[in-house]
PDB file of N, CA and C in Angstrom:
ATOM      1  N   UNK A   1    -134.462-199.419  18.825  1.00  0.00           N
ATOM      2  CA  UNK A   1    -133.782-199.696  20.073  1.00  0.00           C
ATOM      3  C   UNK A   1    -134.806-200.176  21.095  1.00  0.00           C
ATOM      4  N   UNK A   2    -134.445-201.255  21.769  1.00  0.00           N
ATOM      5  CA  UNK A   2    -135.273-201.713  22.885  1.00  0.00           C
ATOM      6  C   UNK A   2    -134.365-202.319  23.942  1.00  0.00           C
ATOM      7  N   UNK A   3    -134.806-202.232  25.179  1.00  0.00           N
ATOM      8  CA  UNK A   3    -134.030-202.773  26.294  1.00  0.00           C
ATOM      9  C   UNK A   3    -134.449-204.222  26.480  1.00  0.00           C
ATOM     10  N   UNK A   4    -133.473-205.123  26.426  1.00  0.00           N
ATOM     11  CA  UNK A   4    -133.760-206.542  26.595  1.00  0.00           C
ATOM     12  C   UNK A   4    -133.778-206.895  28.077  1.00  0.00           C
ATOM     13  N   UNK A   5    -132.704-206.562  28.790  1.00  0.00           N
ATOM     14  CA  UNK A   5    -132.683-206.825  30.233  1.00  0.00           C
ATOM     15  C   UNK A   5    -131.522-206.098  30.895  1.00  0.00           C
ATOM     16  N   UNK A   6    -131.561-206.090  32.211  1.00  0.00           N
ATOM     17  CA  UNK A   6    -130.464-205.576  33.027  1.00  0.00           C
ATOM     18  C   UNK A   6    -129.929-206.754  33.819  1.00  0.00           C
ATOM     19  N   UNK A   7    -128.625-206.988  33.736  1.00  0.00           N
ATOM     20  CA  UNK A   7    -128.043-208.134  34.423  1.00  0.00           C
ATOM     21  C   UNK A   7    -126.914-207.692  35.339  1.00  0.00           C
ATOM     22  N   UNK A   8    -126.498-208.605  36.183  1.00  0.00           N
ATOM     23  CA  UNK A   8    -125.400-208.392  37.130  1.00  0.00           C
ATOM     24  C   UNK A   8    -125.609-207.116  37.957  1.00  0.00           C
ATOM     25  N   UNK A   9    -126.796-206.975  38.500  1.00  0.00           N
ATOM     26  CA  UNK A   9    -127.118-205.800  39.312  1.00  0.00           C
ATOM     27  C   UNK A   9    -126.487-205.972  40.690  1.00  0.00           C
ATOM     28  N   UNK A  10    -125.684-204.987  41.078  1.00  0.00           N
ATOM     29  CA  UNK A  10    -125.013-205.015  42.379  1.00  0.00           C
ATOM     30  C   UNK A  10    -125.381-203.736  43.114  1.00  0.00           C
ATOM     31  N   UNK A  11    -125.903-203.896  44.320  1.00  0.00           N
ATOM     32  CA  UNK A  11    -126.238-202.723  45.131  1.00  0.00           C
ATOM     33  C   UNK A  11    -125.009-202.286  45.902  1.00  0.00           C
ATOM     34  N   UNK A  12    -124.719-200.998  45.847  1.00  0.00           N
ATOM     35  CA  UNK A  12    -123.579-200.432  46.561  1.00  0.00           C
ATOM     36  C   UNK A  12    -124.034-199.975  47.938  1.00  0.00           C
ATOM     37  N   UNK A  13    -123.157-200.142  48.901  1.00  0.00           N
ATOM     38  CA  UNK A  13    -123.464-199.718  50.266  1.00  0.00           C
ATOM     39  C   UNK A  13    -123.458-198.195  50.326  1.00  0.00           C
ATOM     40  N   UNK A  14    -124.545-197.609  50.810  1.00  0.00           N
ATOM     41  CA  UNK A  14    -124.676-196.156  50.878  1.00  0.00           C
ATOM     42  C   UNK A  14    -125.415-195.821  52.165  1.00  0.00           C
ATOM     43  N   UNK A  15    -124.884-194.913  52.990  1.00  0.00           N
ATOM     44  CA  UNK A  15    -125.454-194.686  54.327  1.00  0.00           C
ATOM     45  C   UNK A  15    -126.790-193.950  54.370  1.00  0.00           C
ATOM     46  N   UNK A  16    -127.226-193.364  53.279  1.00  0.00           N
ATOM     47  CA  UNK A  16    -128.484-192.628  53.278  1.00  0.00           C
ATOM     48  C   UNK A  16    -129.604-193.585  52.875  1.00  0.00           C
ATOM     49  N   UNK A  17    -130.583-193.788  53.764  1.00  0.00           N
ATOM     50  CA  UNK A  17    -131.589-194.833  53.575  1.00  0.00           C
ATOM     51  C   UNK A  17    -132.541-194.588  52.414  1.00  0.00           C
ATOM     52  N   UNK A  18    -132.739-193.342  52.014  1.00  0.00           N
ATOM     53  CA  UNK A  18    -133.696-193.058  50.948  1.00  0.00           C
ATOM     54  C   UNK A  18    -133.055-193.028  49.564  1.00  0.00           C
ATOM     55  N   UNK A  19    -131.764-193.310  49.495  1.00  0.00           N
ATOM     56  CA  UNK A  19    -131.071-193.364  48.204  1.00  0.00           C
ATOM     57  C   UNK A  19    -130.389-194.714  48.055  1.00  0.00           C
ATOM     58  N   UNK A  20    -130.650-195.382  46.949  1.00  0.00           N
ATOM     59  CA  UNK A  20    -130.043-196.681  46.671  1.00  0.00           C
ATOM     60  C   UNK A  20    -129.185-196.573  45.414  1.00  0.00           C
ATOM     61  N   UNK A  21    -127.956-197.047  45.487  1.00  0.00           N
ATOM     62  CA  UNK A  21    -127.033-196.994  44.354  1.00  0.00           C
ATOM     63  C   UNK A  21    -126.777-198.395  43.829  1.00  0.00           C
ATOM     64  N   UNK A  22    -126.728-198.529  42.502  1.00  0.00           N
ATOM     65  CA  UNK A  22    -126.522-199.822  41.861  1.00  0.00           C
ATOM     66  C   UNK A  22    -125.537-199.672  40.703  1.00  0.00           C
ATOM     67  N   UNK A  23    -124.860-200.771  40.396  1.00  0.00           N
ATOM     68  CA  UNK A  23    -124.111-200.858  39.146  1.00  0.00           C
ATOM     69  C   UNK A  23    -124.594-202.111  38.437  1.00  0.00           C
ATOM     70  N   UNK A  24    -124.597-202.084  37.109  1.00  0.00           N
ATOM     71  CA  UNK A  24    -125.111-203.221  36.361  1.00  0.00           C
ATOM     72  C   UNK A  24    -124.672-203.143  34.902  1.00  0.00           C
ATOM     73  N   UNK A  25    -125.139-204.116  34.145  1.00  0.00           N
ATOM     74  CA  UNK A  25    -124.903-204.162  32.704  1.00  0.00           C
ATOM     75  C   UNK A  25    -126.265-204.242  32.033  1.00  0.00           C
ATOM     76  N   UNK A  26    -126.476-203.363  31.053  1.00  0.00           N
ATOM     77  CA  UNK A  26    -127.731-203.411  30.305  1.00  0.00           C
ATOM     78  C   UNK A  26    -127.482-204.104  28.971  1.00  0.00           C
ATOM     79  N   UNK A  27    -128.489-204.786  28.512  1.00  0.00           N
ATOM     80  CA  UNK A  27    -128.439-205.380  27.184  1.00  0.00           C
ATOM     81  C   UNK A  27    -129.544-204.713  26.382  1.00  0.00           C
ATOM     82  N   UNK A  28    -129.138-204.011  25.332  1.00  0.00           N
ATOM     83  CA  UNK A  28    -130.097-203.320  24.476  1.00  0.00           C
ATOM     84  C   UNK A  28    -129.958-203.858  23.053  1.00  0.00           C
ATOM     85  N   UNK A  29    -131.048-203.832  22.352  1.00  0.00           N
ATOM     86  CA  UNK A  29    -131.042-204.281  20.964  1.00  0.00           C
ATOM     87  C   UNK A  29    -131.042-203.052  20.069  1.00  0.00           C
ATOM     88  N   UNK A  30    -129.986-202.940  19.262  1.00  0.00           N
ATOM     89  CA  UNK A  30    -129.889-201.836  18.312  1.00  0.00           C
ATOM     90  C   UNK A  30    -129.651-202.410  16.929  1.00  0.00           C
ATOM     91  N   UNK A  31    -130.494-202.053  15.998  1.00  0.00           N
ATOM     92  CA  UNK A  31    -130.404-202.523  14.613  1.00  0.00           C
ATOM     93  C   UNK A  31    -130.336-204.044  14.531  1.00  0.00           C
ATOM     94  N   UNK A  32    -131.137-204.699  15.361  1.00  0.00           N
ATOM     95  CA  UNK A  32    -131.256-206.139  15.296  1.00  0.00           C
ATOM     96  C   UNK A  32    -130.179-206.942  15.997  1.00  0.00           C
ATOM     97  N   UNK A  33    -129.256-206.283  16.696  1.00  0.00           N
ATOM     98  CA  UNK A  33    -128.221-207.044  17.410  1.00  0.00           C
ATOM     99  C   UNK A  33    -128.093-206.544  18.839  1.00  0.00           C
ATOM    100  N   UNK A  34    -127.832-207.471  19.768  1.00  0.00           N
ATOM    101  CA  UNK A  34    -127.716-207.081  21.187  1.00  0.00           C
ATOM    102  C   UNK A  34    -126.364-206.432  21.484  1.00  0.00           C
ATOM    103  N   UNK A  35    -126.405-205.410  22.336  1.00  0.00           N
ATOM    104  CA  UNK A  35    -125.197-204.691  22.752  1.00  0.00           C
ATOM    105  C   UNK A  35    -125.235-204.568  24.269  1.00  0.00           C
ATOM    106  N   UNK A  36    -124.098-204.813  24.918  1.00  0.00           N
ATOM    107  CA  UNK A  36    -123.993-204.695  26.374  1.00  0.00           C
ATOM    108  C   UNK A  36    -123.220-203.428  26.732  1.00  0.00           C
ATOM    109  N   UNK A  37    -123.729-202.699  27.725  1.00  0.00           N
ATOM    110  CA  UNK A  37    -123.079-201.478  28.217  1.00  0.00           C
ATOM    111  C   UNK A  37    -123.159-201.455  29.731  1.00  0.00           C
ATOM    112  N   UNK A  38    -122.104-200.974  30.378  1.00  0.00           N
ATOM    113  CA  UNK A  38    -122.093-200.835  31.832  1.00  0.00           C
ATOM    114  C   UNK A  38    -122.762-199.522  32.218  1.00  0.00           C
ATOM    115  N   UNK A  39    -123.555-199.593  33.298  1.00  0.00           N
ATOM    116  CA  UNK A  39    -124.207-198.386  33.807  1.00  0.00           C
ATOM    117  C   UNK A  39    -124.148-198.371  35.332  1.00  0.00           C
ATOM    118  N   UNK A  40    -124.285-197.185  35.883  1.00  0.00           N
ATOM    119  CA  UNK A  40    -124.545-196.975  37.305  1.00  0.00           C
ATOM    120  C   UNK A  40    -125.876-196.243  37.375  1.00  0.00           C
ATOM    121  N   UNK A  41    -126.690-196.577  38.369  1.00  0.00           N
ATOM    122  CA  UNK A  41    -127.931-195.833  38.541  1.00  0.00           C
ATOM    123  C   UNK A  41    -128.273-195.735  40.019  1.00  0.00           C
ATOM    124  N   UNK A  42    -129.034-194.706  40.331  1.00  0.00           N
ATOM    125  CA  UNK A  42    -129.479-194.510  41.701  1.00  0.00           C
ATOM    126  C   UNK A  42    -130.984-194.268  41.690  1.00  0.00           C
ATOM    127  N   UNK A  43    -131.610-194.706  42.773  1.00  0.00           N
ATOM    128  CA  UNK A  43    -133.040-194.475  42.968  1.00  0.00           C
ATOM    129  C   UNK A  43    -133.191-193.737  44.290  1.00  0.00           C
ATOM    130  N   UNK A  44    -133.713-192.535  44.216  1.00  0.00           N
ATOM    131  CA  UNK A  44    -133.924-191.729  45.419  1.00  0.00           C
ATOM    132  C   UNK A  44    -135.423-191.565  45.630  1.00  0.00           C
ATOM    133  N   UNK A  45    -135.881-191.926  46.812  1.00  0.00           N
ATOM    134  CA  UNK A  45    -137.284-191.776  47.142  1.00  0.00           C
ATOM    135  C   UNK A  45    -137.481-190.447  47.859  1.00  0.00           C
ATOM    136  N   UNK A  46    -138.279-189.595  47.275  1.00  0.00           N
ATOM    137  CA  UNK A  46    -138.526-188.264  47.837  1.00  0.00           C
ATOM    138  C   UNK A  46    -139.564-188.364  48.949  1.00  0.00           C
ATOM    139  N   UNK A  47    -139.685-187.349  49.796  1.00  0.00           N
ATOM    140  CA  UNK A  47    -140.666-187.383  50.894  1.00  0.00           C
ATOM    141  C   UNK A  47    -142.109-187.586  50.425  1.00  0.00           C
ATOM    142  N   UNK A  48    -142.390-187.229  49.191  1.00  0.00           N
ATOM    143  CA  UNK A  48    -143.735-187.405  48.650  1.00  0.00           C
ATOM    144  C   UNK A  48    -143.987-188.834  48.163  1.00  0.00           C
ATOM    145  N   UNK A  49    -142.928-189.668  48.157  1.00  0.00           N
ATOM    146  CA  UNK A  49    -143.048-191.040  47.688  1.00  0.00           C
ATOM    147  C   UNK A  49    -142.646-191.214  46.235  1.00  0.00           C
ATOM    148  N   UNK A  50    -142.421-190.106  45.551  1.00  0.00           N
ATOM    149  CA  UNK A  50    -142.011-190.155  44.148  1.00  0.00           C
ATOM    150  C   UNK A  50    -140.562-190.638  44.056  1.00  0.00           C
ATOM    151  N   UNK A  51    -140.259-191.435  43.036  1.00  0.00           N
ATOM    152  CA  UNK A  51    -138.908-191.948  42.846  1.00  0.00           C
ATOM    153  C   UNK A  51    -138.191-191.133  41.774  1.00  0.00           C
ATOM    154  N   UNK A  52    -136.959-190.763  42.068  1.00  0.00           N
ATOM    155  CA  UNK A  52    -136.117-190.033  41.127  1.00  0.00           C
ATOM    156  C   UNK A  52    -134.979-190.972  40.726  1.00  0.00           C
ATOM    157  N   UNK A  53    -134.910-191.327  39.450  1.00  0.00           N
ATOM    158  CA  UNK A  53    -133.909-192.268  38.962  1.00  0.00           C
ATOM    159  C   UNK A  53    -132.876-191.506  38.145  1.00  0.00           C
ATOM    160  N   UNK A  54    -131.608-191.650  38.539  1.00  0.00           N
ATOM    161  CA  UNK A  54    -130.501-191.032  37.818  1.00  0.00           C
ATOM    162  C   UNK A  54    -129.638-192.139  37.239  1.00  0.00           C
ATOM    163  N   UNK A  55    -129.260-192.007  35.970  1.00  0.00           N
ATOM    164  CA  UNK A  55    -128.504-193.043  35.276  1.00  0.00           C
ATOM    165  C   UNK A  55    -127.229-192.449  34.700  1.00  0.00           C
ATOM    166  N   UNK A  56    -126.117-193.188  34.872  1.00  0.00           N
ATOM    167  CA  UNK A  56    -124.853-192.831  34.251  1.00  0.00           C
ATOM    168  C   UNK A  56    -124.425-194.000  33.376  1.00  0.00           C
ATOM    169  N   UNK A  57    -124.309-193.762  32.079  1.00  0.00           N
ATOM    170  CA  UNK A  57    -123.846-194.794  31.155  1.00  0.00           C
ATOM    171  C   UNK A  57    -122.325-194.668  31.088  1.00  0.00           C
ATOM    172  N   UNK A  58    -121.627-195.735  31.446  1.00  0.00           N
ATOM    173  CA  UNK A  58    -120.180-195.688  31.608  1.00  0.00           C
ATOM    174  C   UNK A  58    -119.403-195.965  30.326  1.00  0.00           C
ATOM    175  N   UNK A  59    -120.078-196.331  29.272  1.00  0.00           N
ATOM    176  CA  UNK A  59    -119.434-196.600  27.989  1.00  0.00           C
ATOM    177  C   UNK A  59    -120.165-195.835  26.886  1.00  0.00           C
ATOM    178  N   UNK A  60    -119.456-195.459  25.826  1.00  0.00           N
ATOM    179  CA  UNK A  60    -120.124-194.723  24.741  1.00  0.00           C
ATOM    180  C   UNK A  60    -121.210-195.562  24.058  1.00  0.00           C
ATOM    181  N   UNK A  61    -122.276-194.887  23.665  1.00  0.00           N
ATOM    182  CA  UNK A  61    -123.407-195.545  23.009  1.00  0.00           C
ATOM    183  C   UNK A  61    -123.664-194.824  21.689  1.00  0.00           C
ATOM    184  N   UNK A  62    -123.842-195.586  20.624  1.00  0.00           N
ATOM    185  CA  UNK A  62    -124.148-195.011  19.310  1.00  0.00           C
ATOM    186  C   UNK A  62    -125.653-194.898  19.124  1.00  0.00           C
ATOM    187  N   UNK A  63    -126.272-194.145  20.008  1.00  0.00           N
ATOM    188  CA  UNK A  63    -127.717-193.948  19.958  1.00  0.00           C
ATOM    189  C   UNK A  63    -128.007-192.646  20.695  1.00  0.00           C
ATOM    190  N   UNK A  64    -129.022-191.892  20.316  1.00  0.00           N
ATOM    191  CA  UNK A  64    -129.354-190.662  21.049  1.00  0.00           C
ATOM    192  C   UNK A  64    -129.636-190.963  22.527  1.00  0.00           C
ATOM    193  N   UNK A  65    -129.008-190.208  23.414  1.00  0.00           N
ATOM    194  CA  UNK A  65    -129.084-190.501  24.841  1.00  0.00           C
ATOM    195  C   UNK A  65    -130.441-190.223  25.476  1.00  0.00           C
ATOM    196  N   UNK A  66    -131.125-189.197  25.066  1.00  0.00           N
ATOM    197  CA  UNK A  66    -132.387-188.840  25.720  1.00  0.00           C
ATOM    198  C   UNK A  66    -133.431-189.953  25.590  1.00  0.00           C
ATOM    199  N   UNK A  67    -133.684-190.503  24.394  1.00  0.00           N
ATOM    200  CA  UNK A  67    -134.653-191.614  24.328  1.00  0.00           C
ATOM    201  C   UNK A  67    -134.165-192.853  25.074  1.00  0.00           C
ATOM    202  N   UNK A  68    -132.853-193.118  25.040  1.00  0.00           N
ATOM    203  CA  UNK A  68    -132.304-194.273  25.745  1.00  0.00           C
ATOM    204  C   UNK A  68    -132.480-194.125  27.248  1.00  0.00           C
ATOM    205  N   UNK A  69    -132.159-192.945  27.800  1.00  0.00           N
ATOM    206  CA  UNK A  69    -132.310-192.715  29.232  1.00  0.00           C
ATOM    207  C   UNK A  69    -133.781-192.779  29.654  1.00  0.00           C
ATOM    208  N   UNK A  70    -134.670-192.278  28.816  1.00  0.00           N
ATOM    209  CA  UNK A  70    -136.105-192.329  29.118  1.00  0.00           C
ATOM    210  C   UNK A  70    -136.586-193.773  29.225  1.00  0.00           C
ATOM    211  N   UNK A  71    -136.188-194.613  28.272  1.00  0.00           N
ATOM    212  CA  UNK A  71    -136.570-196.029  28.302  1.00  0.00           C
ATOM    213  C   UNK A  71    -135.933-196.757  29.486  1.00  0.00           C
ATOM    214  N   UNK A  72    -134.676-196.432  29.787  1.00  0.00           N
ATOM    215  CA  UNK A  72    -133.997-197.056  30.929  1.00  0.00           C
ATOM    216  C   UNK A  72    -134.686-196.710  32.239  1.00  0.00           C
ATOM    217  N   UNK A  73    -135.066-195.452  32.409  1.00  0.00           N
ATOM    218  CA  UNK A  73    -135.759-195.042  33.632  1.00  0.00           C
ATOM    219  C   UNK A  73    -137.077-195.788  33.789  1.00  0.00           C
ATOM    220  N   UNK A  74    -137.813-195.918  32.695  1.00  0.00           N
ATOM    221  CA  UNK A  74    -139.077-196.644  32.736  1.00  0.00           C
ATOM    222  C   UNK A  74    -138.834-198.116  33.091  1.00  0.00           C
ATOM    223  N   UNK A  75    -137.814-198.725  32.495  1.00  0.00           N
ATOM    224  CA  UNK A  75    -137.486-200.128  32.739  1.00  0.00           C
ATOM    225  C   UNK A  75    -137.043-200.345  34.184  1.00  0.00           C
ATOM    226  N   UNK A  76    -136.177-199.468  34.698  1.00  0.00           N
ATOM    227  CA  UNK A  76    -135.686-199.581  36.079  1.00  0.00           C
ATOM    228  C   UNK A  76    -136.828-199.378  37.069  1.00  0.00           C
ATOM    229  N   UNK A  77    -137.697-198.416  36.817  1.00  0.00           N
ATOM    230  CA  UNK A  77    -138.852-198.183  37.693  1.00  0.00           C
ATOM    231  C   UNK A  77    -139.752-199.419  37.739  1.00  0.00           C
ATOM    232  N   UNK A  78    -139.927-200.061  36.603  1.00  0.00           N
ATOM    233  CA  UNK A  78    -140.767-201.263  36.536  1.00  0.00           C
ATOM    234  C   UNK A  78    -140.162-202.426  37.327  1.00  0.00           C
ATOM    235  N   UNK A  79    -138.859-202.679  37.170  1.00  0.00           N
ATOM    236  CA  UNK A  79    -138.260-203.797  37.910  1.00  0.00           C
ATOM    237  C   UNK A  79    -138.163-203.484  39.400  1.00  0.00           C
ATOM    238  N   UNK A  80    -138.035-202.199  39.748  1.00  0.00           N
ATOM    239  CA  UNK A  80    -138.038-201.822  41.169  1.00  0.00           C
ATOM    240  C   UNK A  80    -139.427-202.032  41.768  1.00  0.00           C
ATOM    241  N   UNK A  81    -140.450-201.657  41.037  1.00  0.00           N
ATOM    242  CA  UNK A  81    -141.826-201.843  41.520  1.00  0.00           C
ATOM    243  C   UNK A  81    -142.173-203.321  41.686  1.00  0.00           C
ATOM    244  N   UNK A  82    -141.577-204.182  40.871  1.00  0.00           N
ATOM    245  CA  UNK A  82    -141.814-205.619  40.942  1.00  0.00           C
ATOM    246  C   UNK A  82    -140.924-206.304  41.974  1.00  0.00           C
ATOM    247  N   UNK A  83    -140.053-205.543  42.639  1.00  0.00           N
ATOM    248  CA  UNK A  83    -139.193-206.112  43.677  1.00  0.00           C
ATOM    249  C   UNK A  83    -138.039-206.946  43.135  1.00  0.00           C
ATOM    250  N   UNK A  84    -137.573-206.654  41.936  1.00  0.00           N
ATOM    251  CA  UNK A  84    -136.522-207.442  41.310  1.00  0.00           C
ATOM    252  C   UNK A  84    -135.117-206.872  41.527  1.00  0.00           C
ATOM    253  N   UNK A  85    -134.994-205.763  42.240  1.00  0.00           N
ATOM    254  CA  UNK A  85    -133.670-205.211  42.536  1.00  0.00           C
ATOM    255  C   UNK A  85    -133.146-205.799  43.827  1.00  0.00           C
ATOM    256  N   UNK A  86    -131.841-206.075  43.905  1.00  0.00           N
ATOM    257  CA  UNK A  86    -131.291-206.702  45.121  1.00  0.00           C
ATOM    258  C   UNK A  86    -131.266-205.755  46.308  1.00  0.00           C
ATOM    259  N   UNK A  87    -131.450-206.336  47.478  1.00  0.00           N
ATOM    260  CA  UNK A  87    -131.315-205.595  48.733  1.00  0.00           C
ATOM    261  C   UNK A  87    -129.916-205.827  49.263  1.00  0.00           C
ATOM    262  N   UNK A  88    -129.548-205.085  50.279  1.00  0.00           N
ATOM    263  CA  UNK A  88    -128.208-205.284  50.871  1.00  0.00           C
ATOM    264  C   UNK A  88    -128.115-206.566  51.629  1.00  0.00           C
TER     265      UNK A  88
END
């Protein structure tokens, strides 16, 4: 399993400035074929500057969730650090 990309990222309006909510579609490769799944995720910046990423997968996935969520968090943190997430 590997994450190919996250597409159609939409930022949701949320009144708390240190929490950002998004919905998107992930494309993951499982057993040599790409699969698309809808997800919601949030990025909360703590007072220490550390980012807490929470992910909700909205469709069933035929893969163990813990390794998938770990890879997704790493991928989302990387695209956020590179400034690739949309602003309001």
